[in-house]
PDB file of N, CA and C in Angstrom:
ATOM      1  N   GLY A   1       0.790  -1.188   0.000  1.00  0.00           N
ATOM      2  CA  GLY A   1       0.000   0.000   0.000  1.00  0.00           C
ATOM      3  C   GLY A   1       0.841   1.264   0.000  1.00  0.00           C
ATOM      4  N   LEU A   2       1.877   1.343   0.846  1.00  0.00           N
ATOM      5  CA  LEU A   2       2.655   2.574   0.932  1.00  0.00           C
ATOM      6  C   LEU A   2       3.442   2.834  -0.335  1.00  0.00           C
ATOM      7  N   SER A   3       3.931   1.793  -0.969  1.00  0.00           N
ATOM      8  CA  SER A   3       4.642   1.994  -2.230  1.00  0.00           C
ATOM      9  C   SER A   3       3.708   2.570  -3.283  1.00  0.00           C
ATOM     10  N   LEU A   4       2.484   2.111  -3.305  1.00  0.00           N
ATOM     11  CA  LEU A   4       1.517   2.646  -4.259  1.00  0.00           C
ATOM     12  C   LEU A   4       1.212   4.108  -3.968  1.00  0.00           C
ATOM     13  N   ALA A   5       1.163   4.476  -2.688  1.00  0.00           N
ATOM     14  CA  ALA A   5       0.809   5.838  -2.299  1.00  0.00           C
ATOM     15  C   ALA A   5       1.969   6.819  -2.456  1.00  0.00           C
ATOM     16  N   PHE A   6       3.198   6.384  -2.183  1.00  0.00           N
ATOM     17  CA  PHE A   6       4.312   7.319  -2.099  1.00  0.00           C
ATOM     18  C   PHE A   6       5.336   7.229  -3.219  1.00  0.00           C
ATOM     19  N   ASP A   7       5.394   6.137  -3.941  1.00  0.00           N
ATOM     20  CA  ASP A   7       6.391   5.987  -5.004  1.00  0.00           C
ATOM     21  C   ASP A   7       5.780   6.325  -6.352  1.00  0.00           C
ATOM     22  N   GLU A   8       6.546   7.052  -7.166  1.00  0.00           N
ATOM     23  CA  GLU A   8       6.098   7.344  -8.524  1.00  0.00           C
ATOM     24  C   GLU A   8       6.410   6.126  -9.388  1.00  0.00           C
ATOM     25  N   LEU A   9       5.366   5.508  -9.927  1.00  0.00           N
ATOM     26  CA  LEU A   9       5.530   4.270 -10.683  1.00  0.00           C
ATOM     27  C   LEU A   9       5.477   4.539 -12.175  1.00  0.00           C
ATOM     28  N   ASP A  10       6.171   3.695 -12.932  1.00  0.00           N
ATOM     29  CA  ASP A  10       6.235   3.837 -14.385  1.00  0.00           C
ATOM     30  C   ASP A  10       5.302   2.867 -15.093  1.00  0.00           C
ATOM     31  N   VAL A  11       4.137   2.602 -14.507  1.00  0.00           N
ATOM     32  CA  VAL A  11       3.199   1.672 -15.128  1.00  0.00           C
ATOM     33  C   VAL A  11       1.920   2.409 -15.497  1.00  0.00           C
ATOM     34  N   GLU A  12       1.277   1.918 -16.530  1.00  0.00           N
ATOM     35  CA  GLU A  12       0.009   2.487 -16.952  1.00  0.00           C
ATOM     36  C   GLU A  12      -1.101   1.544 -16.529  1.00  0.00           C
ATOM     37  N   GLY A  13      -2.305   1.788 -16.980  1.00  0.00           N
ATOM     38  CA  GLY A  13      -3.463   0.999 -16.589  1.00  0.00           C
ATOM     39  C   GLY A  13      -3.311  -0.483 -16.850  1.00  0.00           C
ATOM     40  N   GLY A  14      -4.257  -1.245 -16.340  1.00  0.00           N
ATOM     41  CA  GLY A  14      -4.225  -2.686 -16.511  1.00  0.00           C
ATOM     42  C   GLY A  14      -4.098  -3.388 -15.181  1.00  0.00           C
ATOM     43  N   ILE A  15      -3.870  -4.665 -15.241  1.00  0.00           N
ATOM     44  CA  ILE A  15      -3.736  -5.470 -14.032  1.00  0.00           C
ATOM     45  C   ILE A  15      -2.269  -5.839 -13.871  1.00  0.00           C
ATOM     46  N   TRP A  16      -1.697  -5.479 -12.739  1.00  0.00           N
ATOM     47  CA  TRP A  16      -0.283  -5.708 -12.470  1.00  0.00           C
ATOM     48  C   TRP A  16      -0.128  -6.461 -11.154  1.00  0.00           C
ATOM     49  N   THR A  17       0.812  -7.387 -11.107  1.00  0.00           N
ATOM     50  CA  THR A  17       1.159  -8.003  -9.829  1.00  0.00           C
ATOM     51  C   THR A  17       2.022  -6.997  -9.065  1.00  0.00           C
ATOM     52  N   PRO A  18       2.109  -7.114  -7.742  1.00  0.00           N
ATOM     53  CA  PRO A  18       2.943  -6.171  -6.986  1.00  0.00           C
ATOM     54  C   PRO A  18       4.391  -6.127  -7.481  1.00  0.00           C
ATOM     55  N   ALA A  19       4.972  -7.275  -7.770  1.00  0.00           N
ATOM     56  CA  ALA A  19       6.364  -7.299  -8.230  1.00  0.00           C
ATOM     57  C   ALA A  19       6.512  -6.622  -9.590  1.00  0.00           C
ATOM     58  N   SER A  20       5.553  -6.826 -10.478  1.00  0.00           N
ATOM     59  CA  SER A  20       5.625  -6.219 -11.806  1.00  0.00           C
ATOM     60  C   SER A  20       5.439  -4.712 -11.747  1.00  0.00           C
ATOM     61  N   ALA A  21       4.514  -4.253 -10.939  1.00  0.00           N
ATOM     62  CA  ALA A  21       4.218  -2.826 -10.873  1.00  0.00           C
ATOM     63  C   ALA A  21       5.235  -2.054 -10.044  1.00  0.00           C
ATOM     64  N   LEU A  22       5.652  -2.620  -8.927  1.00  0.00           N
ATOM     65  CA  LEU A  22       6.498  -1.885  -7.987  1.00  0.00           C
ATOM     66  C   LEU A  22       7.981  -2.131  -8.190  1.00  0.00           C
ATOM     67  N   GLY A  23       8.337  -3.307  -8.698  1.00  0.00           N
ATOM     68  CA  GLY A  23       9.726  -3.627  -9.026  1.00  0.00           C
ATOM     69  C   GLY A  23      10.727  -3.252  -7.956  1.00  0.00           C
ATOM     70  N   GLN A  24      11.735  -2.484  -8.341  1.00  0.00           N
ATOM     71  CA  GLN A  24      12.827  -2.125  -7.435  1.00  0.00           C
ATOM     72  C   GLN A  24      12.339  -1.269  -6.273  1.00  0.00           C
ATOM     73  N   HIS A  25      11.278  -0.479  -6.472  1.00  0.00           N
ATOM     74  CA  HIS A  25      10.719   0.304  -5.360  1.00  0.00           C
ATOM     75  C   HIS A  25      10.334  -0.619  -4.208  1.00  0.00           C
ATOM     76  N   LEU A  26       9.676  -1.720  -4.530  1.00  0.00           N
ATOM     77  CA  LEU A  26       9.257  -2.668  -3.501  1.00  0.00           C
ATOM     78  C   LEU A  26      10.465  -3.323  -2.834  1.00  0.00           C
ATOM     79  N   VAL A  27      11.438  -3.743  -3.611  1.00  0.00           N
ATOM     80  CA  VAL A  27      12.642  -4.375  -3.063  1.00  0.00           C
ATOM     81  C   VAL A  27      13.359  -3.408  -2.121  1.00  0.00           C
ATOM     82  N   ASP A  28      13.477  -2.150  -2.513  1.00  0.00           N
ATOM     83  CA  ASP A  28      14.150  -1.153  -1.677  1.00  0.00           C
ATOM     84  C   ASP A  28      13.402  -0.924  -0.371  1.00  0.00           C
ATOM     85  N   ARG A  29      12.071  -0.823  -0.432  1.00  0.00           N
ATOM     86  CA  ARG A  29      11.282  -0.615   0.789  1.00  0.00           C
ATOM     87  C   ARG A  29      11.398  -1.813   1.724  1.00  0.00           C
ATOM     88  N   LEU A  30      11.372  -3.015   1.180  1.00  0.00           N
ATOM     89  CA  LEU A  30      11.504  -4.203   2.020  1.00  0.00           C
ATOM     90  C   LEU A  30      12.895  -4.284   2.640  1.00  0.00           C
ATOM     91  N   ALA A  31      13.918  -3.900   1.899  1.00  0.00           N
ATOM     92  CA  ALA A  31      15.285  -3.917   2.427  1.00  0.00           C
ATOM     93  C   ALA A  31      15.444  -2.936   3.583  1.00  0.00           C
ATOM     94  N   GLU A  32      14.702  -1.829   3.557  1.00  0.00           N
ATOM     95  CA  GLU A  32      14.763  -0.850   4.646  1.00  0.00           C
ATOM     96  C   GLU A  32      14.311  -1.446   5.975  1.00  0.00           C
ATOM     97  N   VAL A  33      13.481  -2.479   5.934  1.00  0.00           N
ATOM     98  CA  VAL A  33      13.011  -3.131   7.164  1.00  0.00           C
ATOM     99  C   VAL A  33      13.615  -4.534   7.293  1.00  0.00           C
ATOM    100  N   ASP A  34      14.796  -4.706   6.697  1.00  0.00           N
ATOM    101  CA  ASP A  34      15.592  -5.938   6.808  1.00  0.00           C
ATOM    102  C   ASP A  34      14.938  -7.175   6.208  1.00  0.00           C
ATOM    103  N   ILE A  35      14.136  -6.999   5.183  1.00  0.00           N
ATOM    104  CA  ILE A  35      13.618  -8.126   4.411  1.00  0.00           C
ATOM    105  C   ILE A  35      14.397  -8.133   3.101  1.00  0.00           C
ATOM    106  N   THR A  36      15.151  -9.190   2.873  1.00  0.00           N
ATOM    107  CA  THR A  36      15.997  -9.250   1.685  1.00  0.00           C
ATOM    108  C   THR A  36      15.718 -10.519   0.891  1.00  0.00           C
ATOM    109  N   PHE A  37      16.223 -10.542  -0.317  1.00  0.00           N
ATOM    110  CA  PHE A  37      16.058 -11.672  -1.212  1.00  0.00           C
ATOM    111  C   PHE A  37      17.425 -12.105  -1.706  1.00  0.00           C
ATOM    112  N   ASP A  38      17.603 -13.393  -1.870  1.00  0.00           N
ATOM    113  CA  ASP A  38      18.826 -13.939  -2.443  1.00  0.00           C
ATOM    114  C   ASP A  38      18.488 -14.594  -3.773  1.00  0.00           C
ATOM    115  N   GLU A  39      19.335 -14.365  -4.754  1.00  0.00           N
ATOM    116  CA  GLU A  39      19.163 -15.000  -6.058  1.00  0.00           C
ATOM    117  C   GLU A  39      19.915 -16.318  -6.039  1.00  0.00           C
ATOM    118  N   VAL A  40      19.238 -17.381  -6.422  1.00  0.00           N
ATOM    119  CA  VAL A  40      19.867 -18.697  -6.458  1.00  0.00           C
ATOM    120  C   VAL A  40      19.718 -19.288  -7.849  1.00  0.00           C
ATOM    121  N   ALA A  41      20.654 -20.122  -8.226  1.00  0.00           N
ATOM    122  CA  ALA A  41      20.607 -20.783  -9.527  1.00  0.00           C
ATOM    123  C   ALA A  41      20.272 -22.254  -9.318  1.00  0.00           C
ATOM    124  N   PHE A  42      19.505 -22.789 -10.224  1.00  0.00           N
ATOM    125  CA  PHE A  42      19.153 -24.209 -10.168  1.00  0.00           C
ATOM    126  C   PHE A  42      19.816 -24.941 -11.299  1.00  0.00           C
TER     127      PHE A  42
END
């Protein structure tokens, strides 16, 4: 919710998943509260 309210997004109308619409904005906000992601290869 806060990313939608406070971040300027580069998406237009339609249906977007949070990751698709918020992208790096979401990752940065989560990292601020110590939630991180690791990339792994299979």
